C-alpha atoms as a PDB file:
ATOM      1  CA  ALA A   1      47.896 128.182-129.664  1.00  0.00           C
ATOM      2  CA  SER A   2      44.929 128.645-131.968  1.00  0.00           C
ATOM      3  CA  ALA A   3      42.349 131.254-132.848  1.00  0.00           C
ATOM      4  CA  SER A   4      38.700 130.346-132.555  1.00  0.00           C
ATOM      5  CA  SER A   5      36.628 129.891-135.701  1.00  0.00           C
ATOM      6  CA  THR A   6      34.307 132.719-136.591  1.00  0.00           C
ATOM      7  CA  ASP A   7      31.802 133.371-139.367  1.00  0.00           C
ATOM      8  CA  LEU A   8      32.545 136.717-140.981  1.00  0.00           C
ATOM      9  CA  GLY A   9      29.537 136.346-143.310  1.00  0.00           C
ATOM     10  CA  THR A  10      29.267 138.523-146.400  1.00  0.00           C
ATOM     11  CA  LYS A  11      30.767 141.981-146.516  1.00  0.00           C
ATOM     12  CA  THR A  12      29.617 144.695-148.920  1.00  0.00           C
ATOM     13  CA  THR A  13      31.738 147.522-150.244  1.00  0.00           C
ATOM     14  CA  SER A  14      30.458 151.064-150.056  1.00  0.00           C
ATOM     15  CA  SER A  15      28.571 152.366-153.080  1.00  0.00           C
ATOM     16  CA  PHE A  16      30.475 154.438-155.603  1.00  0.00           C
ATOM     17  CA  ASP A  17      29.214 156.012-158.815  1.00  0.00           C
ATOM     18  CA  TYR A  18      31.688 155.379-161.608  1.00  0.00           C
ATOM     19  CA  GLY A  19      29.538 157.374-164.037  1.00  0.00           C
ATOM     20  CA  THR A  20      30.065 156.883-167.765  1.00  0.00           C
ATOM     21  CA  LYS A  21      33.410 155.881-169.226  1.00  0.00           C
ATOM     22  CA  SER A  22      34.358 156.360-172.870  1.00  0.00           C
ATOM     23  CA  THR A  23      36.999 154.753-175.035  1.00  0.00           C
ATOM     24  CA  ASN A  24      39.289 156.853-177.172  1.00  0.00           C
ATOM     25  CA  ASN A  25      38.449 157.720-180.770  1.00  0.00           C
ATOM     26  CA  THR A  26      40.802 155.300-182.538  1.00  0.00           C
ATOM     27  CA  GLY A  27      40.557 151.790-183.849  1.00  0.00           C
ATOM     28  CA  ALA A  28      39.657 152.287-187.493  1.00  0.00           C
ATOM     29  CA  HIS A  29      40.431 148.971-189.177  1.00  0.00           C
ATOM     30  CA  THR A  30      39.328 146.603-191.910  1.00  0.00           C
ATOM     31  CA  HIS A  31      39.054 142.842-192.256  1.00  0.00           C
ATOM     32  CA  SER A  32      40.105 140.871-195.303  1.00  0.00           C
ATOM     33  CA  LEU A  33      37.861 138.066-196.441  1.00  0.00           C
ATOM     34  CA  SER A  34      38.090 135.167-198.835  1.00  0.00           C
ATOM     35  CA  GLY A  35      36.282 131.928-199.446  1.00  0.00           C
ATOM     36  CA  SER A  36      34.536 129.737-201.953  1.00  0.00           C
ATOM     37  CA  THR A  37      31.533 127.481-202.329  1.00  0.00           C
ATOM     38  CA  ASN A  38      31.748 123.933-203.604  1.00  0.00           C
ATOM     39  CA  ALA A  39      30.236 122.799-206.894  1.00  0.00           C
ATOM     40  CA  ALA A  40      27.742 120.317-205.444  1.00  0.00           C
ATOM     41  CA  GLY A  41      24.675 122.262-206.559  1.00  0.00           C
ATOM     42  CA  ASN A  42      23.755 120.367-209.726  1.00  0.00           C
ATOM     43  CA  HIS A  43      20.078 119.480-209.301  1.00  0.00           C
ATOM     44  CA  SER A  44      16.668 120.241-210.744  1.00  0.00           C
ATOM     45  CA  HIS A  45      13.134 120.729-209.423  1.00  0.00           C
ATOM     46  CA  ARG A  46       9.775 119.649-210.768  1.00  0.00           C
ATOM     47  CA  ASP A  47       7.539 122.645-211.275  1.00  0.00           C
ATOM     48  CA  GLY A  48       4.190 120.815-211.290  1.00  0.00           C
ATOM     49  CA  ARG A  49       3.333 121.184-214.972  1.00  0.00           C
ATOM     50  CA  ARG A  50       2.737 117.918-216.814  1.00  0.00           C
ATOM     51  CA  PHE A  51       3.879 117.477-220.364  1.00  0.00           C
ATOM     52  CA  ASN A  52       3.421 114.552-222.681  1.00  0.00           C
ATOM     53  CA  PRO A  53       6.816 113.910-224.303  1.00  0.00           C
ATOM     54  CA  SER A  54       5.182 113.939-227.719  1.00  0.00           C
ATOM     55  CA  VAL A  55       4.029 117.547-227.217  1.00  0.00           C
ATOM     56  CA  PHE A  56       6.878 118.768-224.941  1.00  0.00           C
ATOM     57  CA  LYS A  57       8.329 120.540-227.945  1.00  0.00           C
ATOM     58  CA  ASP A  58       5.742 123.277-227.315  1.00  0.00           C
ATOM     59  CA  THR A  59       7.702 124.510-224.228  1.00  0.00           C
ATOM     60  CA  TYR A  60      10.596 126.911-224.666  1.00  0.00           C
ATOM     61  CA  GLN A  61      13.426 128.030-222.427  1.00  0.00           C
ATOM     62  CA  TYR A  62      12.898 130.517-219.549  1.00  0.00           C
ATOM     63  CA  GLY A  63       9.138 130.246-219.183  1.00  0.00           C
ATOM     64  CA  TYR A  64       8.093 130.853-222.786  1.00  0.00           C
ATOM     65  CA  THR A  65       5.642 128.612-224.598  1.00  0.00           C
ATOM     66  CA  SER A  66       3.955 129.000-227.930  1.00  0.00           C
ATOM     67  CA  SER A  67       1.134 130.678-225.946  1.00  0.00           C
ATOM     68  CA  GLY A  68       3.466 133.450-224.675  1.00  0.00           C
ATOM     69  CA  GLN A  69       5.766 134.278-221.769  1.00  0.00           C
ATOM     70  CA  ASN A  70       4.976 132.376-218.543  1.00  0.00           C
ATOM     71  CA  THR A  71       1.778 130.899-220.000  1.00  0.00           C
ATOM     72  CA  TRP A  72       0.927 127.411-221.129  1.00  0.00           C
ATOM     73  CA  GLY A  73      -2.004 125.269-222.008  1.00  0.00           C
ATOM     74  CA  VAL A  74      -2.859 121.792-220.715  1.00  0.00           C
ATOM     75  CA  GLN A  75      -2.049 119.139-223.246  1.00  0.00           C
ATOM     76  CA  GLY A  76      -2.530 115.405-222.969  1.00  0.00           C
ATOM     77  CA  SER A  77      -4.319 113.551-220.204  1.00  0.00           C
ATOM     78  CA  VAL A  78      -4.241 114.497-216.516  1.00  0.00           C
ATOM     79  CA  GLY A  79      -3.124 111.059-215.302  1.00  0.00           C
ATOM     80  CA  MET A  80       0.441 111.137-216.670  1.00  0.00           C
ATOM     81  CA  SER A  81       3.414 109.725-214.722  1.00  0.00           C
ATOM     82  CA  THR A  82       5.833 111.872-212.706  1.00  0.00           C
ATOM     83  CA  GLY A  83       8.391 111.279-215.436  1.00  0.00           C
ATOM     84  CA  TRP A  84       6.339 113.662-217.539  1.00  0.00           C
ATOM     85  CA  LEU A  85       6.540 116.533-215.037  1.00  0.00           C
ATOM     86  CA  ALA A  86       8.394 119.599-216.267  1.00  0.00           C
ATOM     87  CA  ASN A  87      11.753 120.180-214.552  1.00  0.00           C
ATOM     88  CA  THR A  88      13.920 123.213-214.056  1.00  0.00           C
ATOM     89  CA  SER A  89      17.333 123.178-215.685  1.00  0.00           C
ATOM     90  CA  THR A  90      20.213 121.217-214.098  1.00  0.00           C
ATOM     91  CA  ASP A  91      22.740 123.845-215.160  1.00  0.00           C
ATOM     92  CA  GLY A  92      23.421 124.631-211.491  1.00  0.00           C
ATOM     93  CA  ASN A  93      26.654 122.709-210.907  1.00  0.00           C
ATOM     94  CA  HIS A  94      29.050 125.599-210.323  1.00  0.00           C
ATOM     95  CA  SER A  95      31.046 127.256-207.575  1.00  0.00           C
ATOM     96  CA  HIS A  96      31.676 130.804-206.411  1.00  0.00           C
ATOM     97  CA  SER A  97      34.797 132.366-204.958  1.00  0.00           C
ATOM     98  CA  LEU A  98      35.096 135.663-203.165  1.00  0.00           C
ATOM     99  CA  SER A  99      37.846 137.856-201.824  1.00  0.00           C
ATOM    100  CA  GLY A 100      38.142 141.422-200.745  1.00  0.00           C
ATOM    101  CA  THR A 101      38.212 143.752-197.796  1.00  0.00           C
ATOM    102  CA  ALA A 102      35.331 144.613-195.501  1.00  0.00           C
ATOM    103  CA  ALA A 103      34.819 148.351-195.231  1.00  0.00           C
ATOM    104  CA  SER A 104      36.142 150.154-192.189  1.00  0.00           C
ATOM    105  CA  ALA A 105      33.681 151.697-189.758  1.00  0.00           C
ATOM    106  CA  GLY A 106      36.239 154.483-189.299  1.00  0.00           C
ATOM    107  CA  ALA A 107      37.672 155.876-186.106  1.00  0.00           C
ATOM    108  CA  HIS A 108      35.022 155.767-183.412  1.00  0.00           C
ATOM    109  CA  ALA A 109      34.554 155.608-179.653  1.00  0.00           C
ATOM    110  CA  HIS A 110      32.334 153.578-177.369  1.00  0.00           C
ATOM    111  CA  THR A 111      30.623 154.788-174.194  1.00  0.00           C
ATOM    112  CA  VAL A 112      29.883 152.438-171.305  1.00  0.00           C
ATOM    113  CA  GLY A 113      27.622 153.441-168.423  1.00  0.00           C
ATOM    114  CA  ILE A 114      29.087 151.864-165.263  1.00  0.00           C
ATOM    115  CA  GLY A 115      27.048 153.839-162.726  1.00  0.00           C
ATOM    116  CA  ALA A 116      26.694 153.452-158.978  1.00  0.00           C
ATOM    117  CA  HIS A 117      27.147 149.945-157.647  1.00  0.00           C
ATOM    118  CA  THR A 118      28.595 147.876-154.825  1.00  0.00           C
ATOM    119  CA  HIS A 119      30.320 144.525-154.580  1.00  0.00           C
ATOM    120  CA  SER A 120      29.629 141.740-152.080  1.00  0.00           C
ATOM    121  CA  VAL A 121      32.373 139.389-150.890  1.00  0.00           C
ATOM    122  CA  ALA A 122      31.432 136.161-149.087  1.00  0.00           C
ATOM    123  CA  ILE A 123      34.126 135.548-146.452  1.00  0.00           C
ATOM    124  CA  GLY A 124      32.259 132.895-144.492  1.00  0.00           C
ATOM    125  CA  SER A 125      33.229 130.776-141.502  1.00  0.00           C
ATOM    126  CA  HIS A 126      36.922 130.063-141.048  1.00  0.00           C
ATOM    127  CA  GLY A 127      39.693 129.929-138.456  1.00  0.00           C
ATOM    128  CA  HIS A 128      43.425 130.550-138.286  1.00  0.00           C
ATOM    129  CA  THR A 129      46.132 128.441-136.656  1.00  0.00           C
ATOM    130  CA  ILE A 130      48.881 130.115-134.632  1.00  0.00           C
ATOM    131  CA  THR A 131      52.059 128.163-133.864  1.00  0.00           C
ATOM    132  CA  VAL A 132      54.490 129.172-131.092  1.00  0.00           C
ATOM    133  CA  ASN A 133      57.714 127.144-131.185  1.00  0.00           C
ATOM    134  CA  ALA A 134      59.548 126.272-127.950  1.00  0.00           C
ATOM    135  CA  ALA A 135      62.841 127.440-129.471  1.00  0.00           C
ATOM    136  CA  GLY A 136      62.611 130.512-131.659  1.00  0.00           C
ATOM    137  CA  ASN A 137      64.756 131.886-134.430  1.00  0.00           C
ATOM    138  CA  ALA A 138      68.336 133.129-134.008  1.00  0.00           C
ATOM    139  CA  GLU A 139      68.550 136.302-131.927  1.00  0.00           C
ATOM    140  CA  ASN A 140      68.804 139.541-133.820  1.00  0.00           C
ATOM    141  CA  THR A 141      69.234 141.781-130.741  1.00  0.00           C
ATOM    142  CA  VAL A 142      71.950 142.012-128.101  1.00  0.00           C
ATOM    143  CA  LYS A 143      71.215 139.431-125.425  1.00  0.00           C
ATOM    144  CA  ASN A 144      69.877 140.866-122.170  1.00  0.00           C
ATOM    145  CA  ILE A 145      72.084 143.963-122.199  1.00  0.00           C
ATOM    146  CA  ALA A 146      70.727 147.322-121.150  1.00  0.00           C
ATOM    147  CA  PHE A 147      71.354 149.849-123.875  1.00  0.00           C
ATOM    148  CA  ASN A 148      70.357 152.883-121.878  1.00  0.00           C
ATOM    149  CA  TYR A 149      72.826 152.308-118.989  1.00  0.00           C
ATOM    150  CA  ILE A 150      74.754 155.494-119.550  1.00  0.00           C
END
């Protein structure tokens, strides 16, 4: 025996408003952190100023020249090579390490608005197979005897 195939389509649940749900007011915690940077930072940059090596002595550390802080005058000819461009220091080859604990946000709750909604379930076309065997299972009742005789 068999059951015919049928398309049950898509079924939708009834709408229900779940409102707003809140978590409890626990969960205060911290995170530990640690790490380091490598020491591959040793490099310099050209800053665009041109200096003739014979008059470079006029420039001092950290932006000072004989003219004052962060000021300079043009010396030499304009057509000098890039080898005569002023460079920043190459004292950058170093690393950093860090460790500590991130601050706790304290005990707090979260609120989630679930609201009214439905769900759709696609069941689709399908069939079922029914099998009836010629010889069944072992009997679990008394064979052909009338119980209500008396």
